[in-house]
Amino acid sequence: MMRQLARALGLSFALLAVPAAAQARSPSLPVPDNSGLRDPSAIRNAIVIERRSLPPQLRVQVDSTVAQTSPDDLQQLRRSIETIPAATRALQASGTSSAAIIAVALDEDGDLTLIAEESI
């Protein structure tokens, strides 16, 4: 699972950021293609993982991106998550809500990883 997570984060680290926030990111982070997040039917599976369970390198990447995310962008991310059936099921299964999600990663296979604060 960690290998899949690392692959997903490496391929499409996404925060559903508006263009201005995307431009403010470090060039080492890929600018996400959020088309899959805009089309809930493109997402075939979703899982929730706590930030603290990420490998240290990925945790640093998540923390860096989250630090550059405005509260409005984070709220937009959480609203978008609530429109994705697979994400809603994953949140319910983990006993958490979209309010705990701080980042997401989407791979090319349609697997969505929801990264939660340490409050799961």
PDB file of N, CA and C in Angstrom:
ATOM      1  N   MET A   1       0.813  -1.181   0.000  1.00  0.00           N
ATOM      2  CA  MET A   1       0.000   0.000   0.000  1.00  0.00           C
ATOM      3  C   MET A   1       0.868   1.262   0.000  1.00  0.00           C
ATOM      4  N   MET A   2       1.953   1.275   0.751  1.00  0.00           N
ATOM      5  CA  MET A   2       2.805   2.454   0.806  1.00  0.00           C
ATOM      6  C   MET A   2       3.447   2.718  -0.554  1.00  0.00           C
ATOM      7  N   ARG A   3       3.782   1.660  -1.290  1.00  0.00           N
ATOM      8  CA  ARG A   3       4.355   1.844  -2.616  1.00  0.00           C
ATOM      9  C   ARG A   3       3.335   2.497  -3.534  1.00  0.00           C
ATOM     10  N   GLN A   4       2.071   2.055  -3.455  1.00  0.00           N
ATOM     11  CA  GLN A   4       1.020   2.666  -4.264  1.00  0.00           C
ATOM     12  C   GLN A   4       0.819   4.116  -3.865  1.00  0.00           C
ATOM     13  N   LEU A   5       0.864   4.399  -2.579  1.00  0.00           N
ATOM     14  CA  LEU A   5       0.697   5.765  -2.109  1.00  0.00           C
ATOM     15  C   LEU A   5       1.829   6.644  -2.613  1.00  0.00           C
ATOM     16  N   ALA A   6       3.045   6.158  -2.511  1.00  0.00           N
ATOM     17  CA  ALA A   6       4.185   6.942  -2.989  1.00  0.00           C
ATOM     18  C   ALA A   6       4.053   7.206  -4.483  1.00  0.00           C
ATOM     19  N   ARG A   7       3.609   6.216  -5.229  1.00  0.00           N
ATOM     20  CA  ARG A   7       3.414   6.378  -6.670  1.00  0.00           C
ATOM     21  C   ARG A   7       2.332   7.410  -6.946  1.00  0.00           C
ATOM     22  N   ALA A   8       1.244   7.316  -6.208  1.00  0.00           N
ATOM     23  CA  ALA A   8       0.140   8.255  -6.415  1.00  0.00           C
ATOM     24  C   ALA A   8       0.575   9.674  -6.086  1.00  0.00           C
ATOM     25  N   LEU A   9       1.270   9.848  -4.985  1.00  0.00           N
ATOM     26  CA  LEU A   9       1.699  11.186  -4.607  1.00  0.00           C
ATOM     27  C   LEU A   9       2.734  11.721  -5.581  1.00  0.00           C
ATOM     28  N   GLY A  10       3.587  10.847  -6.070  1.00  0.00           N
ATOM     29  CA  GLY A  10       4.588  11.290  -7.031  1.00  0.00           C
ATOM     30  C   GLY A  10       3.988  11.680  -8.360  1.00  0.00           C
ATOM     31  N   LEU A  11       2.903  11.028  -8.753  1.00  0.00           N
ATOM     32  CA  LEU A  11       2.292  11.294 -10.044  1.00  0.00           C
ATOM     33  C   LEU A  11       1.362  12.487 -10.041  1.00  0.00           C
ATOM     34  N   SER A  12       0.583  12.620  -8.998  1.00  0.00           N
ATOM     35  CA  SER A  12      -0.413  13.679  -9.037  1.00  0.00           C
ATOM     36  C   SER A  12      -0.736  14.163  -7.646  1.00  0.00           C
ATOM     37  N   PHE A  13       0.134  14.940  -7.095  1.00  0.00           N
ATOM     38  CA  PHE A  13      -0.123  15.524  -5.790  1.00  0.00           C
ATOM     39  C   PHE A  13      -1.047  16.706  -6.024  1.00  0.00           C
ATOM     40  N   ALA A  14      -2.229  16.633  -5.469  1.00  0.00           N
ATOM     41  CA  ALA A  14      -3.243  17.632  -5.812  1.00  0.00           C
ATOM     42  C   ALA A  14      -3.857  18.245  -4.578  1.00  0.00           C
ATOM     43  N   LEU A  15      -4.136  19.504  -4.676  1.00  0.00           N
ATOM     44  CA  LEU A  15      -4.874  20.198  -3.634  1.00  0.00           C
ATOM     45  C   LEU A  15      -6.054  20.946  -4.221  1.00  0.00           C
ATOM     46  N   LEU A  16      -6.412  20.645  -5.439  1.00  0.00           N
ATOM     47  CA  LEU A  16      -7.496  21.355  -6.115  1.00  0.00           C
ATOM     48  C   LEU A  16      -7.300  22.860  -6.002  1.00  0.00           C
ATOM     49  N   ALA A  17      -6.056  23.249  -6.107  1.00  0.00           N
ATOM     50  CA  ALA A  17      -5.721  24.652  -5.920  1.00  0.00           C
ATOM     51  C   ALA A  17      -6.185  25.483  -7.102  1.00  0.00           C
ATOM     52  N   VAL A  18      -6.547  26.697  -6.804  1.00  0.00           N
ATOM     53  CA  VAL A  18      -6.857  27.635  -7.866  1.00  0.00           C
ATOM     54  C   VAL A  18      -5.554  27.997  -8.549  1.00  0.00           C
ATOM     55  N   PRO A  19      -5.591  28.500  -9.767  1.00  0.00           N
ATOM     56  CA  PRO A  19      -4.347  28.749 -10.495  1.00  0.00           C
ATOM     57  C   PRO A  19      -3.332  29.605  -9.740  1.00  0.00           C
ATOM     58  N   ALA A  20      -3.763  30.606  -9.015  1.00  0.00           N
ATOM     59  CA  ALA A  20      -2.801  31.447  -8.297  1.00  0.00           C
ATOM     60  C   ALA A  20      -2.039  30.654  -7.262  1.00  0.00           C
ATOM     61  N   ALA A  21      -2.724  29.784  -6.558  1.00  0.00           N
ATOM     62  CA  ALA A  21      -2.045  28.965  -5.558  1.00  0.00           C
ATOM     63  C   ALA A  21      -1.123  27.963  -6.230  1.00  0.00           C
ATOM     64  N   ALA A  22      -1.518  27.438  -7.366  1.00  0.00           N
ATOM     65  CA  ALA A  22      -0.683  26.486  -8.083  1.00  0.00           C
ATOM     66  C   ALA A  22       0.609  27.158  -8.534  1.00  0.00           C
ATOM     67  N   GLN A  23       0.531  28.415  -8.944  1.00  0.00           N
ATOM     68  CA  GLN A  23       1.727  29.127  -9.376  1.00  0.00           C
ATOM     69  C   GLN A  23       2.660  29.398  -8.207  1.00  0.00           C
ATOM     70  N   ALA A  24       2.115  29.493  -7.004  1.00  0.00           N
ATOM     71  CA  ALA A  24       2.935  29.803  -5.836  1.00  0.00           C
ATOM     72  C   ALA A  24       3.717  28.597  -5.348  1.00  0.00           C
ATOM     73  N   ARG A  25       3.382  27.396  -5.816  1.00  0.00           N
ATOM     74  CA  ARG A  25       4.052  26.185  -5.367  1.00  0.00           C
ATOM     75  C   ARG A  25       5.462  26.095  -5.897  1.00  0.00           C
ATOM     76  N   SER A  26       6.232  25.324  -5.193  1.00  0.00           N
ATOM     77  CA  SER A  26       7.594  25.036  -5.610  1.00  0.00           C
ATOM     78  C   SER A  26       7.574  24.327  -6.958  1.00  0.00           C
ATOM     79  N   PRO A  27       8.509  24.640  -7.856  1.00  0.00           N
ATOM     80  CA  PRO A  27       8.531  23.989  -9.158  1.00  0.00           C
ATOM     81  C   PRO A  27       8.763  22.482  -9.067  1.00  0.00           C
ATOM     82  N   SER A  28       9.281  21.971  -7.936  1.00  0.00           N
ATOM     83  CA  SER A  28       9.524  20.538  -7.823  1.00  0.00           C
ATOM     84  C   SER A  28       8.234  19.739  -7.665  1.00  0.00           C
ATOM     85  N   LEU A  29       7.148  20.422  -7.298  1.00  0.00           N
ATOM     86  CA  LEU A  29       5.864  19.737  -7.207  1.00  0.00           C
ATOM     87  C   LEU A  29       5.153  19.846  -8.538  1.00  0.00           C
ATOM     88  N   PRO A  30       4.645  18.749  -9.063  1.00  0.00           N
ATOM     89  CA  PRO A  30       3.938  18.835 -10.332  1.00  0.00           C
ATOM     90  C   PRO A  30       2.657  19.632 -10.184  1.00  0.00           C
ATOM     91  N   VAL A  31       2.349  20.420 -11.178  1.00  0.00           N
ATOM     92  CA  VAL A  31       1.065  21.109 -11.189  1.00  0.00           C
ATOM     93  C   VAL A  31       0.024  20.053 -11.503  1.00  0.00           C
ATOM     94  N   PRO A  32      -0.952  19.878 -10.632  1.00  0.00           N
ATOM     95  CA  PRO A  32      -1.878  18.770 -10.800  1.00  0.00           C
ATOM     96  C   PRO A  32      -2.824  18.948 -11.972  1.00  0.00           C
ATOM     97  N   ASP A  33      -3.159  17.835 -12.574  1.00  0.00           N
ATOM     98  CA  ASP A  33      -4.239  17.784 -13.552  1.00  0.00           C
ATOM     99  C   ASP A  33      -5.442  17.294 -12.773  1.00  0.00           C
ATOM    100  N   ASN A  34      -6.322  18.196 -12.425  1.00  0.00           N
ATOM    101  CA  ASN A  34      -7.441  17.866 -11.555  1.00  0.00           C
ATOM    102  C   ASN A  34      -8.672  17.398 -12.307  1.00  0.00           C
ATOM    103  N   SER A  35      -8.532  17.090 -13.592  1.00  0.00           N
ATOM    104  CA  SER A  35      -9.707  16.699 -14.356  1.00  0.00           C
ATOM    105  C   SER A  35     -10.388  15.480 -13.757  1.00  0.00           C
ATOM    106  N   GLY A  36      -9.623  14.552 -13.216  1.00  0.00           N
ATOM    107  CA  GLY A  36     -10.216  13.377 -12.586  1.00  0.00           C
ATOM    108  C   GLY A  36     -10.994  13.727 -11.333  1.00  0.00           C
ATOM    109  N   LEU A  37     -10.543  14.750 -10.622  1.00  0.00           N
ATOM    110  CA  LEU A  37     -11.247  15.167  -9.424  1.00  0.00           C
ATOM    111  C   LEU A  37     -12.527  15.917  -9.763  1.00  0.00           C
ATOM    112  N   ARG A  38     -12.562  16.526 -10.929  1.00  0.00           N
ATOM    113  CA  ARG A  38     -13.771  17.221 -11.362  1.00  0.00           C
ATOM    114  C   ARG A  38     -14.800  16.248 -11.909  1.00  0.00           C
ATOM    115  N   ASP A  39     -14.358  15.068 -12.280  1.00  0.00           N
ATOM    116  CA  ASP A  39     -15.251  14.049 -12.823  1.00  0.00           C
ATOM    117  C   ASP A  39     -15.276  12.861 -11.864  1.00  0.00           C
ATOM    118  N   PRO A  40     -16.228  12.850 -10.915  1.00  0.00           N
ATOM    119  CA  PRO A  40     -16.260  11.788  -9.909  1.00  0.00           C
ATOM    120  C   PRO A  40     -16.312  10.378 -10.496  1.00  0.00           C
ATOM    121  N   SER A  41     -16.863  10.227 -11.687  1.00  0.00           N
ATOM    122  CA  SER A  41     -16.947   8.889 -12.277  1.00  0.00           C
ATOM    123  C   SER A  41     -15.573   8.370 -12.692  1.00  0.00           C
ATOM    124  N   ALA A  42     -14.582   9.250 -12.804  1.00  0.00           N
ATOM    125  CA  ALA A  42     -13.228   8.827 -13.172  1.00  0.00           C
ATOM    126  C   ALA A  42     -12.484   8.199 -11.998  1.00  0.00           C
ATOM    127  N   ILE A  43     -12.995   8.376 -10.797  1.00  0.00           N
ATOM    128  CA  ILE A  43     -12.336   7.849  -9.602  1.00  0.00           C
ATOM    129  C   ILE A  43     -12.941   6.490  -9.275  1.00  0.00           C
ATOM    130  N   ARG A  44     -12.110   5.471  -9.324  1.00  0.00           N
ATOM    131  CA  ARG A  44     -12.629   4.113  -9.132  1.00  0.00           C
ATOM    132  C   ARG A  44     -12.474   3.611  -7.707  1.00  0.00           C
ATOM    133  N   ASN A  45     -11.543   4.198  -6.955  1.00  0.00           N
ATOM    134  CA  ASN A  45     -11.286   3.731  -5.601  1.00  0.00           C
ATOM    135  C   ASN A  45     -10.719   4.896  -4.787  1.00  0.00           C
ATOM    136  N   ALA A  46     -10.999   4.884  -3.495  1.00  0.00           N
ATOM    137  CA  ALA A  46     -10.444   5.922  -2.613  1.00  0.00           C
ATOM    138  C   ALA A  46     -10.084   5.296  -1.271  1.00  0.00           C
ATOM    139  N   ILE A  47      -9.010   5.810  -0.688  1.00  0.00           N
ATOM    140  CA  ILE A  47      -8.605   5.392   0.648  1.00  0.00           C
ATOM    141  C   ILE A  47      -8.266   6.640   1.458  1.00  0.00           C
ATOM    142  N   VAL A  48      -8.362   6.508   2.776  1.00  0.00           N
ATOM    143  CA  VAL A  48      -7.991   7.586   3.687  1.00  0.00           C
ATOM    144  C   VAL A  48      -6.755   7.127   4.440  1.00  0.00           C
ATOM    145  N   ILE A  49      -5.772   8.001   4.516  1.00  0.00           N
ATOM    146  CA  ILE A  49      -4.553   7.688   5.244  1.00  0.00           C
ATOM    147  C   ILE A  49      -4.181   8.900   6.095  1.00  0.00           C
ATOM    148  N   GLU A  50      -3.708   8.642   7.299  1.00  0.00           N
ATOM    149  CA  GLU A  50      -3.283   9.735   8.171  1.00  0.00           C
ATOM    150  C   GLU A  50      -1.936  10.280   7.724  1.00  0.00           C
ATOM    151  N   ARG A  51      -1.770  11.564   7.853  1.00  0.00           N
ATOM    152  CA  ARG A  51      -0.529  12.232   7.504  1.00  0.00           C
ATOM    153  C   ARG A  51       0.662  11.598   8.219  1.00  0.00           C
ATOM    154  N   ARG A  52       0.499  11.287   9.487  1.00  0.00           N
ATOM    155  CA  ARG A  52       1.637  10.763  10.259  1.00  0.00           C
ATOM    156  C   ARG A  52       2.096   9.384   9.788  1.00  0.00           C
ATOM    157  N   SER A  53       1.258   8.673   9.054  1.00  0.00           N
ATOM    158  CA  SER A  53       1.661   7.352   8.565  1.00  0.00           C
ATOM    159  C   SER A  53       2.386   7.414   7.224  1.00  0.00           C
ATOM    160  N   LEU A  54       2.524   8.597   6.662  1.00  0.00           N
ATOM    161  CA  LEU A  54       3.273   8.759   5.416  1.00  0.00           C
ATOM    162  C   LEU A  54       4.764   8.600   5.677  1.00  0.00           C
ATOM    163  N   PRO A  55       5.495   8.112   4.694  1.00  0.00           N
ATOM    164  CA  PRO A  55       6.955   8.112   4.826  1.00  0.00           C
ATOM    165  C   PRO A  55       7.434   9.557   5.000  1.00  0.00           C
ATOM    166  N   PRO A  56       8.542   9.765   5.703  1.00  0.00           N
ATOM    167  CA  PRO A  56       9.010  11.126   5.996  1.00  0.00           C
ATOM    168  C   PRO A  56       9.125  12.039   4.770  1.00  0.00           C
ATOM    169  N   GLN A  57       9.635  11.536   3.668  1.00  0.00           N
ATOM    170  CA  GLN A  57       9.785  12.374   2.471  1.00  0.00           C
ATOM    171  C   GLN A  57       8.435  12.854   1.954  1.00  0.00           C
ATOM    172  N   LEU A  58       7.447  11.980   1.952  1.00  0.00           N
ATOM    173  CA  LEU A  58       6.122  12.370   1.490  1.00  0.00           C
ATOM    174  C   LEU A  58       5.448  13.313   2.477  1.00  0.00           C
ATOM    175  N   ARG A  59       5.693  13.100   3.766  1.00  0.00           N
ATOM    176  CA  ARG A  59       5.127  13.980   4.786  1.00  0.00           C
ATOM    177  C   ARG A  59       5.644  15.406   4.602  1.00  0.00           C
ATOM    178  N   VAL A  60       6.931  15.535   4.304  1.00  0.00           N
ATOM    179  CA  VAL A  60       7.517  16.852   4.058  1.00  0.00           C
ATOM    180  C   VAL A  60       6.871  17.497   2.835  1.00  0.00           C
ATOM    181  N   GLN A  61       6.655  16.719   1.786  1.00  0.00           N
ATOM    182  CA  GLN A  61       6.027  17.240   0.576  1.00  0.00           C
ATOM    183  C   GLN A  61       4.592  17.696   0.870  1.00  0.00           C
ATOM    184  N   VAL A  62       3.849  16.893   1.601  1.00  0.00           N
ATOM    185  CA  VAL A  62       2.477  17.255   1.971  1.00  0.00           C
ATOM    186  C   VAL A  62       2.490  18.513   2.830  1.00  0.00           C
ATOM    187  N   ASP A  63       3.344  18.556   3.838  1.00  0.00           N
ATOM    188  CA  ASP A  63       3.400  19.711   4.731  1.00  0.00           C
ATOM    189  C   ASP A  63       3.743  20.991   3.978  1.00  0.00           C
ATOM    190  N   SER A  64       4.669  20.896   3.049  1.00  0.00           N
ATOM    191  CA  SER A  64       5.074  22.061   2.274  1.00  0.00           C
ATOM    192  C   SER A  64       3.912  22.589   1.434  1.00  0.00           C
ATOM    193  N   THR A  65       3.195  21.698   0.797  1.00  0.00           N
ATOM    194  CA  THR A  65       2.084  22.111  -0.047  1.00  0.00           C
ATOM    195  C   THR A  65       0.925  22.642   0.793  1.00  0.00           C
ATOM    196  N   VAL A  66       0.646  21.985   1.887  1.00  0.00           N
ATOM    197  CA  VAL A  66      -0.441  22.433   2.772  1.00  0.00           C
ATOM    198  C   VAL A  66      -0.136  23.829   3.313  1.00  0.00           C
ATOM    199  N   ALA A  67       1.122  24.096   3.618  1.00  0.00           N
ATOM    200  CA  ALA A  67       1.505  25.409   4.140  1.00  0.00           C
ATOM    201  C   ALA A  67       1.250  26.522   3.134  1.00  0.00           C
ATOM    202  N   GLN A  68       1.233  26.182   1.853  1.00  0.00           N
ATOM    203  CA  GLN A  68       1.006  27.168   0.804  1.00  0.00           C
ATOM    204  C   GLN A  68      -0.456  27.232   0.363  1.00  0.00           C
ATOM    205  N   THR A  69      -1.314  26.498   1.038  1.00  0.00           N
ATOM    206  CA  THR A  69      -2.715  26.422   0.659  1.00  0.00           C
ATOM    207  C   THR A  69      -3.547  27.367   1.516  1.00  0.00           C
ATOM    208  N   SER A  70      -4.361  28.152   0.854  1.00  0.00           N
ATOM    209  CA  SER A  70      -5.209  29.091   1.596  1.00  0.00           C
ATOM    210  C   SER A  70      -6.374  28.343   2.231  1.00  0.00           C
ATOM    211  N   PRO A  71      -6.968  28.905   3.262  1.00  0.00           N
ATOM    212  CA  PRO A  71      -8.154  28.288   3.858  1.00  0.00           C
ATOM    213  C   PRO A  71      -9.287  28.115   2.844  1.00  0.00           C
ATOM    214  N   ASP A  72      -9.414  29.062   1.920  1.00  0.00           N
ATOM    215  CA  ASP A  72     -10.458  28.932   0.892  1.00  0.00           C
ATOM    216  C   ASP A  72     -10.196  27.744  -0.029  1.00  0.00           C
ATOM    217  N   ASP A  73      -8.930  27.544  -0.411  1.00  0.00           N
ATOM    218  CA  ASP A  73      -8.590  26.406  -1.263  1.00  0.00           C
ATOM    219  C   ASP A  73      -8.835  25.084  -0.532  1.00  0.00           C
ATOM    220  N   LEU A  74      -8.510  25.054   0.746  1.00  0.00           N
ATOM    221  CA  LEU A  74      -8.743  23.847   1.533  1.00  0.00           C
ATOM    222  C   LEU A  74     -10.236  23.561   1.641  1.00  0.00           C
ATOM    223  N   GLN A  75     -11.023  24.594   1.821  1.00  0.00           N
ATOM    224  CA  GLN A  75     -12.474  24.423   1.881  1.00  0.00           C
ATOM    225  C   GLN A  75     -13.010  23.925   0.545  1.00  0.00           C
ATOM    226  N   GLN A  76     -12.479  24.448  -0.553  1.00  0.00           N
ATOM    227  CA  GLN A  76     -12.886  23.992  -1.885  1.00  0.00           C
ATOM    228  C   GLN A  76     -12.542  22.515  -2.071  1.00  0.00           C
ATOM    229  N   LEU A  77     -11.352  22.122  -1.625  1.00  0.00           N
ATOM    230  CA  LEU A  77     -10.949  20.724  -1.693  1.00  0.00           C
ATOM    231  C   LEU A  77     -11.953  19.846  -0.952  1.00  0.00           C
ATOM    232  N   ARG A  78     -12.297  20.242   0.247  1.00  0.00           N
ATOM    233  CA  ARG A  78     -13.209  19.437   1.072  1.00  0.00           C
ATOM    234  C   ARG A  78     -14.601  19.358   0.462  1.00  0.00           C
ATOM    235  N   ARG A  79     -15.082  20.448  -0.122  1.00  0.00           N
ATOM    236  CA  ARG A  79     -16.387  20.414  -0.792  1.00  0.00           C
ATOM    237  C   ARG A  79     -16.349  19.485  -1.999  1.00  0.00           C
ATOM    238  N   SER A  80     -15.261  19.521  -2.735  1.00  0.00           N
ATOM    239  CA  SER A  80     -15.127  18.648  -3.905  1.00  0.00           C
ATOM    240  C   SER A  80     -15.110  17.181  -3.505  1.00  0.00           C
ATOM    241  N   ILE A  81     -14.410  16.879  -2.423  1.00  0.00           N
ATOM    242  CA  ILE A  81     -14.347  15.499  -1.936  1.00  0.00           C
ATOM    243  C   ILE A  81     -15.746  14.969  -1.641  1.00  0.00           C
ATOM    244  N   GLU A  82     -16.586  15.818  -1.092  1.00  0.00           N
ATOM    245  CA  GLU A  82     -17.942  15.401  -0.724  1.00  0.00           C
ATOM    246  C   GLU A  82     -18.809  15.061  -1.925  1.00  0.00           C
ATOM    247  N   THR A  83     -18.388  15.432  -3.129  1.00  0.00           N
ATOM    248  CA  THR A  83     -19.157  15.119  -4.338  1.00  0.00           C
ATOM    249  C   THR A  83     -18.696  13.829  -5.005  1.00  0.00           C
ATOM    250  N   ILE A  84     -17.677  13.203  -4.453  1.00  0.00           N
ATOM    251  CA  ILE A  84     -17.100  11.992  -5.050  1.00  0.00           C
ATOM    252  C   ILE A  84     -17.572  10.782  -4.255  1.00  0.00           C
ATOM    253  N   PRO A  85     -18.423   9.948  -4.862  1.00  0.00           N
ATOM    254  CA  PRO A  85     -18.965   8.800  -4.118  1.00  0.00           C
ATOM    255  C   PRO A  85     -17.897   7.900  -3.498  1.00  0.00           C
ATOM    256  N   ALA A  86     -16.846   7.589  -4.229  1.00  0.00           N
ATOM    257  CA  ALA A  86     -15.801   6.713  -3.689  1.00  0.00           C
ATOM    258  C   ALA A  86     -15.117   7.359  -2.483  1.00  0.00           C
ATOM    259  N   ALA A  87     -14.923   8.667  -2.530  1.00  0.00           N
ATOM    260  CA  ALA A  87     -14.304   9.377  -1.409  1.00  0.00           C
ATOM    261  C   ALA A  87     -15.234   9.385  -0.199  1.00  0.00           C
ATOM    262  N   THR A  88     -16.507   9.605  -0.446  1.00  0.00           N
ATOM    263  CA  THR A  88     -17.486   9.607   0.647  1.00  0.00           C
ATOM    264  C   THR A  88     -17.521   8.247   1.340  1.00  0.00           C
ATOM    265  N   ARG A  89     -17.498   7.179   0.556  1.00  0.00           N
ATOM    266  CA  ARG A  89     -17.487   5.825   1.138  1.00  0.00           C
ATOM    267  C   ARG A  89     -16.218   5.597   1.962  1.00  0.00           C
ATOM    268  N   ALA A  90     -15.071   6.044   1.446  1.00  0.00           N
ATOM    269  CA  ALA A  90     -13.809   5.864   2.171  1.00  0.00           C
ATOM    270  C   ALA A  90     -13.818   6.645   3.479  1.00  0.00           C
ATOM    271  N   LEU A  91     -14.364   7.858   3.444  1.00  0.00           N
ATOM    272  CA  LEU A  91     -14.452   8.654   4.671  1.00  0.00           C
ATOM    273  C   LEU A  91     -15.351   7.971   5.694  1.00  0.00           C
ATOM    274  N   GLN A  92     -16.486   7.477   5.255  1.00  0.00           N
ATOM    275  CA  GLN A  92     -17.405   6.794   6.168  1.00  0.00           C
ATOM    276  C   GLN A  92     -16.751   5.546   6.753  1.00  0.00           C
ATOM    277  N   ALA A  93     -16.056   4.792   5.917  1.00  0.00           N
ATOM    278  CA  ALA A  93     -15.405   3.562   6.379  1.00  0.00           C
ATOM    279  C   ALA A  93     -14.326   3.849   7.420  1.00  0.00           C
ATOM    280  N   SER A  94     -13.662   4.998   7.288  1.00  0.00           N
ATOM    281  CA  SER A  94     -12.599   5.331   8.237  1.00  0.00           C
ATOM    282  C   SER A  94     -13.128   6.076   9.459  1.00  0.00           C
ATOM    283  N   GLY A  95     -14.399   6.441   9.423  1.00  0.00           N
ATOM    284  CA  GLY A  95     -14.986   7.146  10.559  1.00  0.00           C
ATOM    285  C   GLY A  95     -14.562   8.595  10.659  1.00  0.00           C
ATOM    286  N   THR A  96     -14.243   9.194   9.547  1.00  0.00           N
ATOM    287  CA  THR A  96     -13.831  10.597   9.547  1.00  0.00           C
ATOM    288  C   THR A  96     -14.694  11.392   8.578  1.00  0.00           C
ATOM    289  N   SER A  97     -14.448  12.683   8.524  1.00  0.00           N
ATOM    290  CA  SER A  97     -15.206  13.535   7.611  1.00  0.00           C
ATOM    291  C   SER A  97     -14.239  14.286   6.707  1.00  0.00           C
ATOM    292  N   SER A  98     -14.793  14.937   5.715  1.00  0.00           N
ATOM    293  CA  SER A  98     -13.947  15.698   4.791  1.00  0.00           C
ATOM    294  C   SER A  98     -13.215  16.828   5.506  1.00  0.00           C
ATOM    295  N   ALA A  99     -13.710  17.263   6.650  1.00  0.00           N
ATOM    296  CA  ALA A  99     -13.056  18.337   7.412  1.00  0.00           C
ATOM    297  C   ALA A  99     -11.648  17.950   7.864  1.00  0.00           C
ATOM    298  N   ALA A 100     -11.357  16.669   7.946  1.00  0.00           N
ATOM    299  CA  ALA A 100     -10.036  16.210   8.373  1.00  0.00           C
ATOM    300  C   ALA A 100      -9.048  16.110   7.213  1.00  0.00           C
ATOM    301  N   ILE A 101      -9.520  16.213   5.980  1.00  0.00           N
ATOM    302  CA  ILE A 101      -8.658  16.025   4.811  1.00  0.00           C
ATOM    303  C   ILE A 101      -7.858  17.289   4.545  1.00  0.00           C
ATOM    304  N   ILE A 102      -6.546  17.108   4.394  1.00  0.00           N
ATOM    305  CA  ILE A 102      -5.670  18.245   4.137  1.00  0.00           C
ATOM    306  C   ILE A 102      -5.054  18.197   2.743  1.00  0.00           C
ATOM    307  N   ALA A 103      -5.089  17.033   2.084  1.00  0.00           N
ATOM    308  CA  ALA A 103      -4.527  16.892   0.744  1.00  0.00           C
ATOM    309  C   ALA A 103      -5.076  15.630   0.111  1.00  0.00           C
ATOM    310  N   VAL A 104      -4.940  15.549  -1.196  1.00  0.00           N
ATOM    311  CA  VAL A 104      -5.331  14.346  -1.919  1.00  0.00           C
ATOM    312  C   VAL A 104      -4.278  14.036  -2.968  1.00  0.00           C
ATOM    313  N   ALA A 105      -4.257  12.793  -3.387  1.00  0.00           N
ATOM    314  CA  ALA A 105      -3.399  12.375  -4.497  1.00  0.00           C
ATOM    315  C   ALA A 105      -4.236  11.473  -5.389  1.00  0.00           C
ATOM    316  N   LEU A 106      -4.135  11.684  -6.677  1.00  0.00           N
ATOM    317  CA  LEU A 106      -4.877  10.900  -7.655  1.00  0.00           C
ATOM    318  C   LEU A 106      -3.887  10.317  -8.645  1.00  0.00           C
ATOM    319  N   ASP A 107      -3.922   8.988  -8.827  1.00  0.00           N
ATOM    320  CA  ASP A 107      -3.020   8.394  -9.810  1.00  0.00           C
ATOM    321  C   ASP A 107      -3.741   8.198 -11.137  1.00  0.00           C
ATOM    322  N   GLU A 108      -2.992   7.788 -12.141  1.00  0.00           N
ATOM    323  CA  GLU A 108      -3.562   7.662 -13.483  1.00  0.00           C
ATOM    324  C   GLU A 108      -4.568   6.527 -13.600  1.00  0.00           C
ATOM    325  N   ASP A 109      -4.606   5.629 -12.620  1.00  0.00           N
ATOM    326  CA  ASP A 109      -5.570   4.532 -12.639  1.00  0.00           C
ATOM    327  C   ASP A 109      -6.894   4.917 -12.000  1.00  0.00           C
ATOM    328  N   GLY A 110      -7.007   6.125 -11.491  1.00  0.00           N
ATOM    329  CA  GLY A 110      -8.239   6.564 -10.854  1.00  0.00           C
ATOM    330  C   GLY A 110      -8.319   6.243  -9.372  1.00  0.00           C
ATOM    331  N   ASP A 111      -7.184   5.937  -8.762  1.00  0.00           N
ATOM    332  CA  ASP A 111      -7.146   5.673  -7.324  1.00  0.00           C
ATOM    333  C   ASP A 111      -6.867   6.986  -6.590  1.00  0.00           C
ATOM    334  N   LEU A 112      -7.769   7.342  -5.696  1.00  0.00           N
ATOM    335  CA  LEU A 112      -7.677   8.592  -4.953  1.00  0.00           C
ATOM    336  C   LEU A 112      -7.239   8.301  -3.531  1.00  0.00           C
ATOM    337  N   THR A 113      -6.207   9.001  -3.074  1.00  0.00           N
ATOM    338  CA  THR A 113      -5.745   8.901  -1.699  1.00  0.00           C
ATOM    339  C   THR A 113      -6.106  10.200  -0.991  1.00  0.00           C
ATOM    340  N   LEU A 114      -6.850  10.086   0.084  1.00  0.00           N
ATOM    341  CA  LEU A 114      -7.241  11.239   0.900  1.00  0.00           C
ATOM    342  C   LEU A 114      -6.303  11.273   2.096  1.00  0.00           C
ATOM    343  N   ILE A 115      -5.586  12.351   2.265  1.00  0.00           N
ATOM    344  CA  ILE A 115      -4.633  12.475   3.357  1.00  0.00           C
ATOM    345  C   ILE A 115      -5.282  13.299   4.458  1.00  0.00           C
ATOM    346  N   ALA A 116      -5.390  12.685   5.630  1.00  0.00           N
ATOM    347  CA  ALA A 116      -6.080  13.323   6.749  1.00  0.00           C
ATOM    348  C   ALA A 116      -5.098  13.794   7.807  1.00  0.00           C
ATOM    349  N   GLU A 117      -5.527  14.825   8.535  1.00  0.00           N
ATOM    350  CA  GLU A 117      -4.779  15.233   9.708  1.00  0.00           C
ATOM    351  C   GLU A 117      -4.787  14.065  10.681  1.00  0.00           C
ATOM    352  N   GLU A 118      -4.011  14.141  11.721  1.00  0.00           N
ATOM    353  CA  GLU A 118      -3.871  13.043  12.665  1.00  0.00           C
ATOM    354  C   GLU A 118      -5.103  12.845  13.535  1.00  0.00           C
ATOM    355  N   SER A 119      -6.262  13.126  13.027  1.00  0.00           N
ATOM    356  CA  SER A 119      -7.470  13.045  13.841  1.00  0.00           C
ATOM    357  C   SER A 119      -8.417  11.924  13.442  1.00  0.00           C
ATOM    358  N   ILE A 120      -7.934  10.966  12.662  1.00  0.00           N
ATOM    359  CA  ILE A 120      -8.809   9.860  12.275  1.00  0.00           C
ATOM    360  C   ILE A 120      -9.105   9.020  13.485  1.00  0.00           C
TER     361      ILE A 120
END
